C-alpha atoms as a PDB file:
ATOM      1  CA  MET A   1      26.351 -47.935  25.191  1.00  0.00           C
ATOM      2  CA  SER A   2      29.182 -46.082  26.519  1.00  0.00           C
ATOM      3  CA  ASN A   3      28.776 -42.819  28.205  1.00  0.00           C
ATOM      4  CA  GLU A   4      31.103 -40.134  27.027  1.00  0.00           C
ATOM      5  CA  PHE A   5      30.499 -38.072  30.071  1.00  0.00           C
ATOM      6  CA  SER A   6      31.199 -40.779  32.573  1.00  0.00           C
ATOM      7  CA  GLU A   7      34.703 -40.108  33.648  1.00  0.00           C
ATOM      8  CA  GLY A   8      35.323 -36.432  33.535  1.00  0.00           C
ATOM      9  CA  GLY A   9      31.880 -35.088  33.735  1.00  0.00           C
ATOM     10  CA  ALA A  10      30.993 -32.650  30.981  1.00  0.00           C
ATOM     11  CA  ALA A  11      33.114 -32.358  27.871  1.00  0.00           C
ATOM     12  CA  PRO A  12      35.428 -29.369  27.855  1.00  0.00           C
ATOM     13  CA  LEU A  13      34.137 -26.293  25.953  1.00  0.00           C
ATOM     14  CA  ARG A  14      35.906 -25.361  22.808  1.00  0.00           C
ATOM     15  CA  GLN A  15      37.548 -21.948  22.940  1.00  0.00           C
ATOM     16  CA  PRO A  16      38.405 -19.798  19.975  1.00  0.00           C
ATOM     17  CA  PRO A  17      42.012 -19.958  18.869  1.00  0.00           C
ATOM     18  CA  SER A  18      44.306 -17.796  20.936  1.00  0.00           C
ATOM     19  CA  HIS A  19      45.857 -14.582  19.584  1.00  0.00           C
ATOM     20  CA  ASP A  20      49.422 -15.441  20.289  1.00  0.00           C
ATOM     21  CA  GLY A  21      52.029 -16.608  17.887  1.00  0.00           C
ATOM     22  CA  GLY A  22      51.597 -14.249  14.886  1.00  0.00           C
ATOM     23  CA  SER A  23      47.992 -13.126  15.002  1.00  0.00           C
ATOM     24  CA  ASN A  24      47.210  -9.481  15.787  1.00  0.00           C
ATOM     25  CA  PRO A  25      45.462  -8.683  19.036  1.00  0.00           C
ATOM     26  CA  PRO A  26      42.274  -6.553  18.762  1.00  0.00           C
ATOM     27  CA  THR A  27      44.057  -3.372  19.865  1.00  0.00           C
ATOM     28  CA  THR A  28      46.455  -3.590  16.903  1.00  0.00           C
ATOM     29  CA  ASN A  29      43.516  -3.927  14.472  1.00  0.00           C
ATOM     30  CA  GLN A  30      41.983  -0.758  15.920  1.00  0.00           C
ATOM     31  CA  ALA A  31      45.296   1.067  15.556  1.00  0.00           C
ATOM     32  CA  GLN A  32      45.571  -0.022  11.920  1.00  0.00           C
ATOM     33  CA  LEU A  33      41.999   1.090  11.298  1.00  0.00           C
ATOM     34  CA  GLY A  34      42.803   4.473  12.846  1.00  0.00           C
ATOM     35  CA  ASP A  35      45.903   4.780  10.629  1.00  0.00           C
ATOM     36  CA  LEU A  36      43.858   3.894   7.569  1.00  0.00           C
ATOM     37  CA  LYS A  37      41.226   6.519   8.430  1.00  0.00           C
ATOM     38  CA  GLU A  38      43.960   9.114   8.907  1.00  0.00           C
ATOM     39  CA  LYS A  39      45.537   8.295   5.525  1.00  0.00           C
ATOM     40  CA  VAL A  40      42.156   8.482   3.777  1.00  0.00           C
ATOM     41  CA  ALA A  41      41.482  11.852   5.415  1.00  0.00           C
ATOM     42  CA  GLU A  42      44.906  13.119   4.278  1.00  0.00           C
ATOM     43  CA  ASP A  43      44.264  11.907   0.722  1.00  0.00           C
ATOM     44  CA  LEU A  44      40.850  13.590   0.654  1.00  0.00           C
ATOM     45  CA  SER A  45      42.357  16.804   1.955  1.00  0.00           C
ATOM     46  CA  ALA A  46      45.083  16.689  -0.702  1.00  0.00           C
ATOM     47  CA  ALA A  47      42.487  16.015  -3.408  1.00  0.00           C
ATOM     48  CA  ARG A  48      40.373  18.961  -2.194  1.00  0.00           C
ATOM     49  CA  ASP A  49      43.402  21.239  -2.231  1.00  0.00           C
ATOM     50  CA  THR A  50      44.324  20.139  -5.764  1.00  0.00           C
ATOM     51  CA  ILE A  51      40.773  20.710  -7.012  1.00  0.00           C
ATOM     52  CA  LYS A  52      40.655  24.101  -5.312  1.00  0.00           C
ATOM     53  CA  GLU A  53      43.958  25.148  -6.922  1.00  0.00           C
ATOM     54  CA  GLY A  54      42.726  23.970 -10.330  1.00  0.00           C
ATOM     55  CA  ALA A  55      39.473  25.868  -9.934  1.00  0.00           C
ATOM     56  CA  GLU A  56      41.310  29.027  -8.896  1.00  0.00           C
ATOM     57  CA  THR A  57      43.594  28.732 -11.932  1.00  0.00           C
ATOM     58  CA  ALA A  58      40.577  28.275 -14.207  1.00  0.00           C
ATOM     59  CA  VAL A  59      38.845  31.314 -12.703  1.00  0.00           C
ATOM     60  CA  VAL A  60      41.973  33.425 -13.250  1.00  0.00           C
ATOM     61  CA  LYS A  61      42.209  32.295 -16.885  1.00  0.00           C
ATOM     62  CA  VAL A  62      38.517  33.018 -17.504  1.00  0.00           C
ATOM     63  CA  LYS A  63      38.883  36.477 -15.970  1.00  0.00           C
ATOM     64  CA  GLU A  64      41.894  37.157 -18.200  1.00  0.00           C
ATOM     65  CA  ALA A  65      39.970  36.056 -21.292  1.00  0.00           C
ATOM     66  CA  VAL A  66      36.963  38.190 -20.356  1.00  0.00           C
ATOM     67  CA  SER A  67      39.258  41.150 -19.676  1.00  0.00           C
ATOM     68  CA  GLU A  68      40.842  40.728 -23.113  1.00  0.00           C
ATOM     69  CA  GLN A  69      37.402  40.582 -24.730  1.00  0.00           C
ATOM     70  CA  THR A  70      36.263  43.630 -22.781  1.00  0.00           C
ATOM     71  CA  ASN A  71      39.316  45.581 -23.915  1.00  0.00           C
ATOM     72  CA  PHE A  72      38.674  44.450 -27.503  1.00  0.00           C
ATOM     73  CA  ALA A  73      35.060  45.616 -27.222  1.00  0.00           C
ATOM     74  CA  ALA A  74      36.256  48.940 -25.775  1.00  0.00           C
ATOM     75  CA  ARG A  75      38.524  49.429 -28.803  1.00  0.00           C
ATOM     76  CA  GLN A  76      35.645  48.601 -31.161  1.00  0.00           C
ATOM     77  CA  VAL A  77      33.302  51.036 -29.396  1.00  0.00           C
ATOM     78  CA  GLY A  78      36.080  53.634 -29.524  1.00  0.00           C
ATOM     79  CA  GLY A  79      36.324  53.105 -33.283  1.00  0.00           C
ATOM     80  CA  ILE A  80      32.585  53.639 -33.645  1.00  0.00           C
ATOM     81  CA  ALA A  81      32.871  56.783 -31.547  1.00  0.00           C
ATOM     82  CA  SER A  82      35.656  58.134 -33.761  1.00  0.00           C
ATOM     83  CA  ALA A  83      33.559  57.432 -36.847  1.00  0.00           C
ATOM     84  CA  LEU A  84      30.597  59.250 -35.301  1.00  0.00           C
ATOM     85  CA  GLU A  85      32.776  62.243 -34.454  1.00  0.00           C
ATOM     86  CA  LYS A  86      34.127  62.394 -38.033  1.00  0.00           C
ATOM     87  CA  VAL A  87      30.655  62.117 -39.537  1.00  0.00           C
ATOM     88  CA  GLY A  88      29.443  64.817 -37.166  1.00  0.00           C
ATOM     89  CA  SER A  89      32.276  67.141 -38.175  1.00  0.00           C
ATOM     90  CA  GLU A  90      31.564  66.567 -41.862  1.00  0.00           C
ATOM     91  CA  LEU A  91      27.849  67.197 -41.378  1.00  0.00           C
ATOM     92  CA  GLU A  92      28.589  70.382 -39.423  1.00  0.00           C
ATOM     93  CA  SER A  93      30.751  71.706 -42.239  1.00  0.00           C
ATOM     94  CA  SER A  94      28.135  70.814 -44.860  1.00  0.00           C
ATOM     95  CA  ASN A  95      24.536  71.951 -45.025  1.00  0.00           C
ATOM     96  CA  GLN A  96      23.339  70.085 -41.854  1.00  0.00           C
ATOM     97  CA  PRO A  97      25.080  71.736 -38.880  1.00  0.00           C
ATOM     98  CA  GLU A  98      22.476  70.762 -36.268  1.00  0.00           C
ATOM     99  CA  VAL A  99      22.556  67.077 -37.148  1.00  0.00           C
ATOM    100  CA  GLY A 100      26.340  67.194 -37.342  1.00  0.00           C
ATOM    101  CA  ARG A 101      26.678  68.829 -33.934  1.00  0.00           C
ATOM    102  CA  TYR A 102      24.389  66.255 -32.371  1.00  0.00           C
ATOM    103  CA  THR A 103      26.218  63.384 -34.090  1.00  0.00           C
ATOM    104  CA  ARG A 104      29.558  64.708 -32.870  1.00  0.00           C
ATOM    105  CA  GLN A 105      28.188  64.971 -29.313  1.00  0.00           C
ATOM    106  CA  ILE A 106      27.001  61.359 -29.516  1.00  0.00           C
ATOM    107  CA  GLY A 107      30.497  60.384 -30.694  1.00  0.00           C
ATOM    108  CA  ASN A 108      32.056  62.193 -27.725  1.00  0.00           C
ATOM    109  CA  SER A 109      29.709  60.418 -25.296  1.00  0.00           C
ATOM    110  CA  VAL A 110      30.452  57.048 -26.844  1.00  0.00           C
ATOM    111  CA  GLN A 111      34.202  57.770 -26.733  1.00  0.00           C
ATOM    112  CA  SER A 112      34.049  58.484 -22.984  1.00  0.00           C
ATOM    113  CA  PHE A 113      32.041  55.279 -22.499  1.00  0.00           C
ATOM    114  CA  ALA A 114      34.698  53.322 -24.428  1.00  0.00           C
ATOM    115  CA  LYS A 115      37.462  54.735 -22.219  1.00  0.00           C
ATOM    116  CA  GLN A 116      35.509  53.779 -19.100  1.00  0.00           C
ATOM    117  CA  MET A 117      35.067  50.225 -20.413  1.00  0.00           C
ATOM    118  CA  GLU A 118      38.789  49.463 -20.498  1.00  0.00           C
ATOM    119  CA  GLY A 119      40.003  47.257 -17.683  1.00  0.00           C
ATOM    120  CA  ARG A 120      36.521  46.494 -16.361  1.00  0.00           C
ATOM    121  CA  ASP A 121      34.937  43.110 -15.926  1.00  0.00           C
ATOM    122  CA  LEU A 122      31.856  42.000 -17.820  1.00  0.00           C
ATOM    123  CA  GLY A 123      29.381  42.772 -15.023  1.00  0.00           C
ATOM    124  CA  GLU A 124      30.699  46.303 -14.644  1.00  0.00           C
ATOM    125  CA  VAL A 125      30.495  46.885 -18.399  1.00  0.00           C
ATOM    126  CA  ALA A 126      26.884  45.670 -18.451  1.00  0.00           C
ATOM    127  CA  THR A 127      26.011  48.036 -15.606  1.00  0.00           C
ATOM    128  CA  MET A 128      27.797  50.893 -17.380  1.00  0.00           C
ATOM    129  CA  ALA A 129      25.913  50.171 -20.613  1.00  0.00           C
ATOM    130  CA  GLU A 130      22.634  50.173 -18.722  1.00  0.00           C
ATOM    131  CA  ASP A 131      23.498  53.504 -17.073  1.00  0.00           C
ATOM    132  CA  PHE A 132      24.618  54.937 -20.423  1.00  0.00           C
ATOM    133  CA  GLY A 133      21.303  53.871 -21.953  1.00  0.00           C
ATOM    134  CA  ARG A 134      19.411  55.664 -19.191  1.00  0.00           C
ATOM    135  CA  LYS A 135      21.504  58.850 -19.310  1.00  0.00           C
ATOM    136  CA  GLN A 136      21.894  59.041 -23.097  1.00  0.00           C
ATOM    137  CA  PRO A 137      18.917  57.196 -24.594  1.00  0.00           C
ATOM    138  CA  LEU A 138      19.244  58.778 -28.039  1.00  0.00           C
ATOM    139  CA  ALA A 139      22.947  57.994 -28.214  1.00  0.00           C
ATOM    140  CA  PHE A 140      22.217  54.444 -27.099  1.00  0.00           C
ATOM    141  CA  LEU A 141      19.517  54.082 -29.765  1.00  0.00           C
ATOM    142  CA  GLY A 142      21.853  55.618 -32.334  1.00  0.00           C
ATOM    143  CA  ILE A 143      24.532  53.064 -31.536  1.00  0.00           C
ATOM    144  CA  ALA A 144      21.950  50.285 -31.719  1.00  0.00           C
ATOM    145  CA  ALA A 145      20.796  51.593 -35.117  1.00  0.00           C
ATOM    146  CA  LEU A 146      24.374  51.759 -36.372  1.00  0.00           C
ATOM    147  CA  ALA A 147      25.022  48.231 -35.151  1.00  0.00           C
ATOM    148  CA  GLY A 148      21.873  47.060 -36.942  1.00  0.00           C
ATOM    149  CA  LEU A 149      22.894  48.858 -40.113  1.00  0.00           C
ATOM    150  CA  ALA A 150      26.366  47.326 -39.983  1.00  0.00           C
ATOM    151  CA  ALA A 151      24.897  43.864 -39.403  1.00  0.00           C
ATOM    152  CA  SER A 152      22.455  44.228 -42.312  1.00  0.00           C
ATOM    153  CA  ARG A 153      25.223  45.425 -44.637  1.00  0.00           C
ATOM    154  CA  PHE A 154      27.380  42.485 -43.576  1.00  0.00           C
ATOM    155  CA  LEU A 155      24.566  40.013 -44.185  1.00  0.00           C
ATOM    156  CA  THR A 156      23.715  41.613 -47.525  1.00  0.00           C
ATOM    157  CA  ALA A 157      27.351  41.481 -48.615  1.00  0.00           C
ATOM    158  CA  SER A 158      27.594  37.854 -47.528  1.00  0.00           C
ATOM    159  CA  ALA A 159      24.437  36.968 -49.441  1.00  0.00           C
ATOM    160  CA  ASN A 160      25.719  38.751 -52.572  1.00  0.00           C
ATOM    161  CA  ARG A 161      29.012  36.862 -52.388  1.00  0.00           C
ATOM    162  CA  SER A 162      27.303  33.492 -52.075  1.00  0.00           C
ATOM    163  CA  THR A 163      24.880  34.336 -54.936  1.00  0.00           C
ATOM    164  CA  SER A 164      27.681  35.471 -57.238  1.00  0.00           C
ATOM    165  CA  ALA A 165      29.773  32.431 -56.348  1.00  0.00           C
ATOM    166  CA  SER A 166      26.909  30.059 -57.172  1.00  0.00           C
ATOM    167  CA  SER A 167      26.135  31.903 -60.421  1.00  0.00           C
ATOM    168  CA  ARG A 168      29.793  31.549 -61.442  1.00  0.00           C
ATOM    169  CA  ARG A 169      29.653  27.819 -60.762  1.00  0.00           C
ATOM    170  CA  ALA A 170      26.476  27.298 -62.841  1.00  0.00           C
ATOM    171  CA  PRO A 171      27.907  28.552 -66.172  1.00  0.00           C
ATOM    172  CA  GLN A 172      31.053  26.514 -65.613  1.00  0.00           C
ATOM    173  CA  ALA A 173      28.974  23.384 -65.094  1.00  0.00           C
ATOM    174  CA  THR A 174      26.987  24.176 -68.269  1.00  0.00           C
ATOM    175  CA  GLN A 175      30.183  24.685 -70.257  1.00  0.00           C
ATOM    176  CA  GLU A 176      31.656  21.424 -68.973  1.00  0.00           C
ATOM    177  CA  SER A 177      28.520  19.450 -69.856  1.00  0.00           C
ATOM    178  CA  SER A 178      28.353  20.978 -73.336  1.00  0.00           C
ATOM    179  CA  LEU A 179      32.018  20.149 -73.931  1.00  0.00           C
ATOM    180  CA  LYS A 180      31.421  16.532 -72.919  1.00  0.00           C
ATOM    181  CA  SER A 181      28.364  16.241 -75.186  1.00  0.00           C
ATOM    182  CA  GLY A 182      30.120  17.685 -78.166  1.00  0.00           C
ATOM    183  CA  GLY A 183      28.887  21.238 -77.864  1.00  0.00           C
ATOM    184  CA  PRO A 184      25.479  22.867 -77.911  1.00  0.00           C
ATOM    185  CA  ALA A 185      24.918  22.444 -81.688  1.00  0.00           C
ATOM    186  CA  ASN A 186      26.014  18.824 -81.817  1.00  0.00           C
ATOM    187  CA  GLY A 187      23.439  17.793 -79.238  1.00  0.00           C
END
């Protein structure tokens, strides 16, 4: 048997391929990794800024919508206040001056509340309503009663319309079926 180690001693160790001739040295890989990290950080920062701008725009739009709704509610409350003042004046001129005077005073209080509501945000309006309820409990209860009365009248009117609409449909269906069958006597 031949000895492979006989002439030169031990066989030469294999070394990894060298980094010359087109391959990147380790320092270049670290630089590229650093550049990549920097670009990712920039992209994340840009994404955060875009999301923040979008959120700020959404908040502004929501505040505008709430402000519009608050102003609409203020106009509605002002309308109720005007109605209360008119009813109070009519009651004062008729045979119930005490009730009329009190109703007119409630209308005045509600009118001032409606004016204070304009231009406020929803939280401020809720706080104002709570304060109004504490300072003017009878006026607050009166408004609640009027709102309940208006809601019940609306629901009653809606129910009457749907009942009358269905009763109009029933005779028409009966007439159509009797026409198809030859009339009620021809059965």
